[in-house]
Amino acid sequence: MITFKRFLTRSNLEWASIFIGFAIIWMVSGLFVDEPSPQALIEKKDAMVRVIDQKAENFSKQIVVKGFTKADKKVFVKSETSGKIIDLPIAQGSFVKKDEIICSLFIAERQSNFDKALLDFNSAKKLFEEELYSSKQLQNAKSNYERAKLELDYASIKAPFDGVVDKIDLDVGDFLSRGSTCATVLDLDPMMITGDISEDELLTVSKNSDVYVTTNDGQEYKGEITFISSSADEMMHTFDIEVSIPNPLRRIKDGQTAKVIVSAIPEPAHIVPLSILRLDEEGDIGVRIVNKDNLVEFYKVKILQDTEKGVWISGLPFNSRIITVGQDYVNNNEKVDIAIDYRLNKDENIN
């Protein structure tokens, strides 16, 4: 009780001394307290991208050419003499063998001329052997005989090869002049398909390229390139190409439309999703990959062909780690972390 009273009766000076003492003790005690160290700076992590590891494969671009069928041979069979048509033994549209008669001309006068020339020639040979004819007289008799024989042969207009009599614009009784057409004969086996390819495609095909032809009725045939032009069309700057396909049953007709698919010369290529292609600052199309040092690189590429599986491109290293996700958030020569993109299995569509 006495102590409390004393506490209440202390002077202001005493109270000030007490507070100053506490303040000094608090300030001194702060020297021995460890202040927490500032939080360490957060270390920046490398960007993460998804990639696929892929080796180049030999890929043959499929070049599609629109073409037209053309008979291997198309001949307008013309008459070597003049005369009245007395027979047309082969019907229009029929198959004909080589040397079969297509048009027969009136031969009465020709036959008598031939018979007389043959008799004269035989007599001349006998007289020459008996030394009663000179060699000149024998030669004249032989020339008359050969001329008469030709005139007789010309009266029978024959097929120049096995083929189809495509067209006859004559009837029995018509007069056929020398040099006029008796019939049109086509050789349809093999059948030829003609088309044209561009300058770039010209560099990727050869006569050894695999070729398939689909006609407008849906039939497919294995073909063979028989001709590639060495001169470009002046207007279109394209090059003619000719493909041969077997047609033993002659089902393919002259002048049909056809689609020709030529396999280009194989070259190393990669198949990637179309969506990962990007443009660089110069506007060149390309792909970002991760090199062995985990640095990003941009490679210009050439699109070979877009397919259901993906787009085939050339221009990447043989073994490439191709960025499939995150390519828009990294720059060239930037170090990155990677994760394998298992979604893009080789047996799945990657577009």
Protein backbone atom coordinates (compact mmCIF):
# COMPACT_ATOMS: atom_id res chain seq x y z
CA MET A 1 0.00 0.00 0.00
CA ILE A 2 2.80 2.33 0.91
CA THR A 3 4.65 1.37 -2.34
CA PHE A 4 1.60 2.11 -4.48
CA LYS A 5 1.18 5.50 -2.88
CA ARG A 6 4.80 6.27 -3.54
CA PHE A 7 4.25 5.20 -7.16
CA LEU A 8 1.36 7.63 -7.51
CA THR A 9 3.27 10.52 -5.96
CA ARG A 10 6.30 10.29 -8.27
CA SER A 11 7.19 13.58 -10.00
CA ASN A 12 7.10 14.21 -13.72
CA LEU A 13 10.86 14.11 -13.84
CA GLU A 14 10.91 10.61 -12.51
CA TRP A 15 8.29 9.47 -15.05
CA ALA A 16 10.29 10.96 -17.93
CA SER A 17 13.42 9.19 -16.71
CA ILE A 18 11.58 5.85 -16.67
CA PHE A 19 10.32 6.23 -20.27
CA ILE A 20 13.73 7.32 -21.52
CA GLY A 21 15.27 4.25 -19.90
CA PHE A 22 12.81 1.92 -21.59
CA ALA A 23 13.45 3.59 -24.95
CA ILE A 24 17.21 3.16 -24.61
CA ILE A 25 16.80 -0.50 -23.68
CA TRP A 26 14.51 -1.06 -26.77
CA MET A 27 16.93 0.65 -29.14
CA VAL A 28 19.93 -1.22 -27.81
CA SER A 29 18.13 -4.55 -27.99
CA GLY A 30 17.50 -3.98 -31.73
CA LEU A 31 21.23 -4.22 -32.45
CA PHE A 32 21.24 -7.86 -31.41
CA VAL A 33 18.20 -8.96 -33.46
CA ASP A 34 18.85 -10.49 -36.92
CA GLU A 35 16.78 -8.81 -39.55
CA PRO A 36 15.33 -11.21 -42.16
CA SER A 37 17.42 -11.22 -45.40
CA PRO A 38 15.65 -9.94 -48.56
CA GLN A 39 13.96 -12.66 -50.62
CA ALA A 40 16.24 -14.01 -53.34
CA LEU A 41 15.42 -13.07 -56.93
CA ILE A 42 13.26 -15.71 -58.72
CA GLU A 43 15.36 -17.57 -61.30
CA LYS A 44 13.93 -17.30 -64.86
CA LYS A 45 13.13 -20.71 -66.39
CA ASP A 46 13.52 -21.64 -70.05
CA ALA A 47 10.37 -21.70 -72.16
CA MET A 48 8.77 -25.08 -72.65
CA VAL A 49 7.86 -26.34 -76.16
CA ARG A 50 6.43 -29.60 -77.48
CA VAL A 51 8.41 -31.41 -80.17
CA ILE A 52 8.45 -34.48 -82.36
CA ASP A 53 11.69 -36.26 -83.23
CA GLN A 54 11.62 -37.26 -86.87
CA LYS A 55 13.94 -38.71 -89.51
CA ALA A 56 13.59 -37.80 -93.16
CA GLU A 57 12.02 -40.35 -95.51
CA ASN A 58 12.25 -40.70 -99.26
CA PHE A 59 9.04 -39.19 -100.61
CA SER A 60 7.78 -39.12 -104.19
CA LYS A 61 5.51 -36.20 -104.95
CA GLN A 62 2.41 -37.16 -106.92
CA ILE A 63 2.16 -34.99 -110.03
CA VAL A 64 -1.36 -34.95 -111.47
CA VAL A 65 -1.66 -34.28 -115.19
CA LYS A 66 -4.91 -33.89 -117.11
CA GLY A 67 -4.55 -35.60 -120.45
CA PHE A 68 -6.33 -37.04 -123.45
CA THR A 69 -6.07 -40.46 -125.03
CA LYS A 70 -4.57 -40.69 -128.49
CA ALA A 71 -4.22 -43.68 -130.79
CA ASP A 72 -0.65 -44.89 -131.11
CA LYS A 73 -1.05 -44.63 -134.88
CA LYS A 74 -3.76 -42.84 -136.84
CA VAL A 75 -3.50 -43.15 -140.60
CA PHE A 76 -5.66 -41.76 -143.38
CA VAL A 77 -5.41 -44.55 -145.94
CA LYS A 78 -5.27 -42.88 -149.34
CA SER A 79 -5.68 -44.27 -152.81
CA GLU A 80 -2.66 -44.50 -155.11
CA THR A 81 -4.86 -44.61 -158.20
CA SER A 82 -8.31 -43.58 -159.41
CA GLY A 83 -11.33 -45.75 -159.97
CA LYS A 84 -14.86 -46.73 -159.12
CA ILE A 85 -15.40 -48.46 -155.75
CA ILE A 86 -16.84 -51.94 -156.27
CA ASP A 87 -16.51 -53.33 -152.71
CA LEU A 88 -16.00 -52.25 -149.08
CA PRO A 89 -15.30 -55.60 -147.39
CA ILE A 90 -14.52 -54.22 -143.90
CA ALA A 91 -17.35 -52.55 -142.01
CA GLN A 92 -16.71 -49.21 -140.36
CA GLY A 93 -15.66 -49.70 -136.73
CA SER A 94 -14.37 -53.25 -137.32
CA PHE A 95 -10.96 -54.64 -136.50
CA VAL A 96 -8.72 -55.22 -139.49
CA LYS A 97 -5.47 -57.14 -139.88
CA LYS A 98 -2.47 -55.77 -141.74
CA ASP A 99 -2.78 -56.10 -145.58
CA GLU A 100 -6.51 -56.87 -145.44
CA ILE A 101 -8.41 -55.09 -148.24
CA ILE A 102 -10.49 -52.12 -147.09
CA CYS A 103 -11.55 -50.69 -150.47
CA SER A 104 -11.67 -52.46 -153.85
CA LEU A 105 -11.67 -50.52 -157.10
CA PHE A 106 -12.84 -51.62 -160.55
CA ILE A 107 -9.98 -53.67 -162.05
CA ALA A 108 -11.21 -54.98 -165.48
CA GLU A 109 -8.90 -52.79 -167.54
CA ARG A 110 -6.08 -53.06 -165.03
CA GLN A 111 -6.32 -56.85 -165.06
CA SER A 112 -6.08 -57.02 -168.86
CA ASN A 113 -3.15 -54.59 -168.84
CA PHE A 114 -1.40 -56.71 -166.25
CA ASP A 115 -2.03 -59.98 -168.12
CA LYS A 116 -0.61 -58.47 -171.35
CA ALA A 117 2.42 -56.98 -169.55
CA LEU A 118 3.15 -60.31 -167.86
CA LEU A 119 2.98 -62.16 -171.18
CA ASP A 120 5.28 -59.60 -172.83
CA PHE A 121 7.77 -59.80 -169.98
CA ASN A 122 7.92 -63.60 -170.09
CA SER A 123 8.43 -63.49 -173.88
CA ALA A 124 11.14 -60.86 -173.54
CA LYS A 125 13.04 -62.99 -171.02
CA LYS A 126 12.94 -65.97 -173.40
CA LEU A 127 14.03 -63.90 -176.40
CA PHE A 128 16.81 -62.32 -174.34
CA GLU A 129 18.09 -65.78 -173.40
CA GLU A 130 18.12 -66.65 -177.15
CA GLU A 131 19.99 -63.37 -177.77
CA LEU A 132 17.14 -62.09 -179.93
CA TYR A 133 16.35 -59.23 -177.50
CA SER A 134 18.69 -56.61 -176.17
CA SER A 135 18.99 -55.87 -172.45
CA LYS A 136 17.23 -52.55 -173.06
CA GLN A 137 14.22 -54.29 -174.63
CA LEU A 138 14.11 -56.70 -171.66
CA GLN A 139 14.26 -53.81 -169.21
CA ASN A 140 11.41 -52.01 -170.97
CA ALA A 141 9.25 -55.16 -170.80
CA LYS A 142 10.06 -55.54 -167.10
CA SER A 143 9.19 -51.89 -166.38
CA ASN A 144 5.81 -52.24 -168.17
CA TYR A 145 5.10 -55.38 -166.18
CA GLU A 146 5.96 -53.77 -162.81
CA ARG A 147 3.87 -50.68 -163.65
CA ALA A 148 0.88 -52.83 -164.58
CA LYS A 149 1.30 -54.89 -161.43
CA LEU A 150 1.35 -51.76 -159.27
CA GLU A 151 -1.80 -50.43 -160.94
CA LEU A 152 -3.51 -53.74 -160.24
CA ASP A 153 -2.29 -53.75 -156.62
CA TYR A 154 -3.40 -50.14 -156.14
CA ALA A 155 -6.94 -51.18 -156.98
CA SER A 156 -7.00 -53.10 -153.68
CA ILE A 157 -6.48 -50.57 -150.87
CA LYS A 158 -5.12 -52.45 -147.84
CA ALA A 159 -4.70 -51.82 -144.12
CA PRO A 160 -1.15 -50.64 -143.27
CA PHE A 161 -1.23 -52.32 -139.82
CA ASP A 162 -3.51 -54.17 -137.40
CA GLY A 163 -6.10 -51.75 -136.14
CA VAL A 164 -9.65 -50.46 -136.24
CA VAL A 165 -11.31 -49.04 -139.34
CA ASP A 166 -12.55 -45.90 -137.66
CA LYS A 167 -14.17 -44.08 -140.53
CA ILE A 168 -15.20 -44.69 -144.16
CA ASP A 169 -16.80 -41.76 -145.96
CA LEU A 170 -17.51 -43.71 -149.15
CA ASP A 171 -20.10 -46.03 -150.59
CA VAL A 172 -19.94 -48.71 -153.24
CA GLY A 173 -20.26 -47.02 -156.64
CA ASP A 174 -18.46 -43.81 -155.60
CA PHE A 175 -15.51 -42.69 -157.68
CA LEU A 176 -12.25 -42.47 -155.73
CA SER A 177 -9.62 -40.09 -157.05
CA ARG A 178 -5.88 -40.62 -156.69
CA GLY A 179 -4.78 -39.20 -153.31
CA SER A 180 -8.29 -39.30 -151.79
CA THR A 181 -8.93 -41.01 -148.45
CA CYS A 182 -10.42 -44.47 -148.47
CA ALA A 183 -10.61 -44.94 -144.69
CA THR A 184 -9.14 -43.89 -141.34
CA VAL A 185 -7.36 -46.69 -139.48
CA LEU A 186 -6.39 -46.47 -135.79
CA ASP A 187 -3.93 -48.52 -133.80
CA LEU A 188 -5.39 -48.53 -130.27
CA ASP A 189 -2.93 -50.88 -128.60
CA PRO A 190 -1.01 -49.42 -126.94
CA MET A 191 -3.02 -46.29 -126.20
CA MET A 192 -1.16 -43.03 -125.72
CA ILE A 193 -2.09 -40.28 -123.25
CA THR A 194 -0.81 -36.78 -123.89
CA GLY A 195 -0.63 -33.92 -121.40
CA ASP A 196 1.71 -31.20 -120.19
CA ILE A 197 3.75 -30.47 -117.07
CA SER A 198 5.25 -27.29 -115.62
CA GLU A 199 8.90 -26.26 -115.61
CA ASP A 200 9.29 -27.22 -111.93
CA GLU A 201 7.68 -30.62 -112.48
CA LEU A 202 9.93 -31.26 -115.48
CA LEU A 203 12.94 -31.42 -113.15
CA THR A 204 11.34 -34.13 -110.99
CA VAL A 205 10.19 -36.67 -113.59
CA SER A 206 11.96 -39.07 -115.91
CA LYS A 207 11.05 -41.89 -118.26
CA ASN A 208 11.58 -44.26 -115.33
CA SER A 209 8.96 -42.56 -113.12
CA ASP A 210 6.02 -44.66 -111.98
CA VAL A 211 2.82 -43.69 -113.79
CA TYR A 212 -0.84 -44.58 -113.30
CA VAL A 213 -3.66 -43.50 -115.59
CA THR A 214 -7.34 -43.26 -114.67
CA THR A 215 -9.80 -42.93 -117.54
CA ASN A 216 -13.11 -41.13 -117.28
CA ASP A 217 -14.93 -44.43 -116.70
CA GLY A 218 -12.92 -45.02 -113.51
CA GLN A 219 -10.57 -47.70 -114.87
CA GLU A 220 -6.95 -47.53 -113.69
CA TYR A 221 -3.95 -48.63 -115.75
CA LYS A 222 -0.19 -48.86 -115.16
CA GLY A 223 1.58 -46.68 -117.67
CA GLU A 224 5.02 -45.83 -118.98
CA ILE A 225 6.42 -42.44 -119.99
CA THR A 226 7.56 -42.69 -123.60
CA PHE A 227 8.25 -39.03 -124.37
CA ILE A 228 9.10 -35.80 -122.53
CA SER A 229 9.42 -32.70 -124.67
CA SER A 230 12.70 -30.79 -124.69
CA SER A 231 10.99 -27.62 -125.91
CA ALA A 232 8.42 -25.59 -123.98
CA ASP A 233 5.15 -24.35 -125.37
CA GLU A 234 5.67 -20.70 -126.34
CA MET A 235 2.38 -19.54 -124.83
CA MET A 236 1.99 -21.68 -121.70
CA HIS A 237 5.67 -22.47 -121.02
CA THR A 238 4.75 -26.09 -120.29
CA PHE A 239 6.31 -29.28 -121.61
CA ASP A 240 4.52 -32.08 -123.44
CA ILE A 241 4.54 -35.53 -121.91
CA GLU A 242 3.34 -38.77 -123.46
CA VAL A 243 2.38 -41.94 -121.59
CA SER A 244 1.75 -45.39 -123.05
CA ILE A 245 -0.73 -47.88 -121.52
CA PRO A 246 -1.76 -51.34 -122.75
CA ASN A 247 -5.17 -51.57 -124.43
CA PRO A 248 -5.42 -55.13 -125.79
CA LEU A 249 -9.23 -55.20 -125.65
CA ARG A 250 -9.42 -51.72 -127.21
CA ARG A 251 -11.84 -50.50 -124.57
CA ILE A 252 -10.13 -47.13 -124.38
CA LYS A 253 -11.11 -44.94 -127.30
CA ASP A 254 -9.21 -42.20 -129.06
CA GLY A 255 -9.85 -38.75 -127.57
CA GLN A 256 -11.07 -39.69 -124.06
CA THR A 257 -10.12 -37.57 -121.06
CA ALA A 258 -7.78 -39.19 -118.56
CA LYS A 259 -5.98 -38.35 -115.30
CA VAL A 260 -2.28 -39.17 -115.22
CA ILE A 261 -0.51 -39.50 -111.85
CA VAL A 262 3.28 -39.41 -112.10
CA SER A 263 5.50 -40.22 -109.12
CA ALA A 264 8.29 -37.66 -108.99
CA ILE A 265 11.91 -38.61 -108.31
CA PRO A 266 12.12 -39.46 -104.55
CA GLU A 267 13.78 -36.95 -102.24
CA PRO A 268 14.31 -36.76 -98.43
CA ALA A 269 11.31 -35.15 -96.77
CA HIS A 270 9.47 -34.79 -93.46
CA ILE A 271 5.74 -34.96 -92.80
CA VAL A 272 4.41 -32.34 -90.39
CA PRO A 273 1.09 -30.75 -89.41
CA LEU A 274 0.16 -27.94 -91.78
CA SER A 275 -0.63 -25.78 -88.73
CA ILE A 276 3.00 -25.53 -87.59
CA LEU A 277 4.28 -23.80 -90.73
CA ARG A 278 5.32 -20.20 -90.14
CA LEU A 279 6.65 -17.20 -92.10
CA ASP A 280 9.93 -15.48 -91.28
CA GLU A 281 10.58 -11.75 -91.53
CA GLU A 282 11.30 -12.05 -95.27
CA GLY A 283 8.04 -13.87 -95.85
CA ASP A 284 9.64 -17.27 -96.45
CA ILE A 285 7.71 -20.28 -95.23
CA GLY A 286 9.48 -22.52 -92.74
CA VAL A 287 9.51 -24.57 -89.54
CA ARG A 288 11.08 -24.01 -86.11
CA ILE A 289 13.15 -26.84 -84.70
CA VAL A 290 15.28 -27.40 -81.57
CA ASN A 291 18.94 -28.21 -82.21
CA LYS A 292 21.24 -30.45 -80.15
CA ASP A 293 22.07 -27.51 -77.85
CA ASN A 294 18.36 -26.95 -77.13
CA LEU A 295 18.41 -23.71 -79.13
CA VAL A 296 15.58 -22.71 -81.46
CA GLU A 297 16.35 -22.52 -85.19
CA PHE A 298 14.18 -21.53 -88.17
CA TYR A 299 14.53 -23.50 -91.41
CA LYS A 300 13.07 -22.45 -94.73
CA VAL A 301 11.18 -25.34 -96.30
CA LYS A 302 9.53 -26.27 -99.57
CA ILE A 303 6.07 -27.78 -99.57
CA LEU A 304 6.09 -30.94 -101.68
CA GLN A 305 2.53 -32.17 -101.16
CA ASP A 306 -0.41 -31.78 -98.80
CA THR A 307 -1.97 -35.14 -97.90
CA GLU A 308 -4.57 -36.50 -95.48
CA LYS A 309 -1.75 -37.53 -93.13
CA GLY A 310 -0.03 -34.14 -93.17
CA VAL A 311 2.09 -31.93 -95.38
CA TRP A 312 5.36 -33.24 -96.83
CA ILE A 313 8.18 -30.71 -96.78
CA SER A 314 11.87 -30.62 -97.75
CA GLY A 315 14.65 -28.44 -96.38
CA LEU A 316 15.02 -29.72 -92.80
CA PRO A 317 18.06 -31.60 -91.42
CA PHE A 318 17.80 -35.38 -91.80
CA ASN A 319 17.24 -35.80 -88.05
CA SER A 320 15.04 -32.99 -86.80
CA ARG A 321 13.40 -32.13 -83.50
CA ILE A 322 10.40 -30.22 -84.80
CA ILE A 323 8.45 -27.82 -82.58
CA THR A 324 4.72 -28.59 -82.71
CA VAL A 325 3.45 -26.43 -79.81
CA GLY A 326 4.88 -23.15 -78.57
CA GLN A 327 6.69 -22.00 -81.71
CA ASP A 328 5.01 -18.58 -81.51
CA TYR A 329 6.44 -17.89 -78.02
CA VAL A 330 10.11 -18.50 -78.71
CA ASN A 331 12.73 -16.78 -80.83
CA ASN A 332 15.70 -17.95 -82.85
CA ASN A 333 18.73 -18.95 -80.74
CA GLU A 334 16.58 -19.02 -77.60
CA LYS A 335 17.25 -21.92 -75.24
CA VAL A 336 14.16 -23.98 -74.45
CA ASP A 337 13.01 -26.98 -72.49
CA ILE A 338 11.24 -29.69 -74.47
CA ALA A 339 8.45 -32.17 -74.02
CA ILE A 340 7.80 -34.94 -76.53
CA ASP A 341 4.47 -34.56 -78.34
CA TYR A 342 3.19 -38.13 -78.14
CA ARG A 343 -0.10 -37.15 -79.75
CA LEU A 344 1.51 -37.13 -83.17
CA ASN A 345 2.17 -40.79 -83.70
CA LYS A 346 3.37 -41.79 -87.15
CA ASP A 347 0.28 -43.93 -87.76
CA GLU A 348 -2.12 -41.12 -86.98
CA ASN A 349 -3.23 -38.12 -88.98
CA ILE A 350 -1.12 -35.21 -87.83
CA ASN A 351 -3.01 -32.35 -89.43
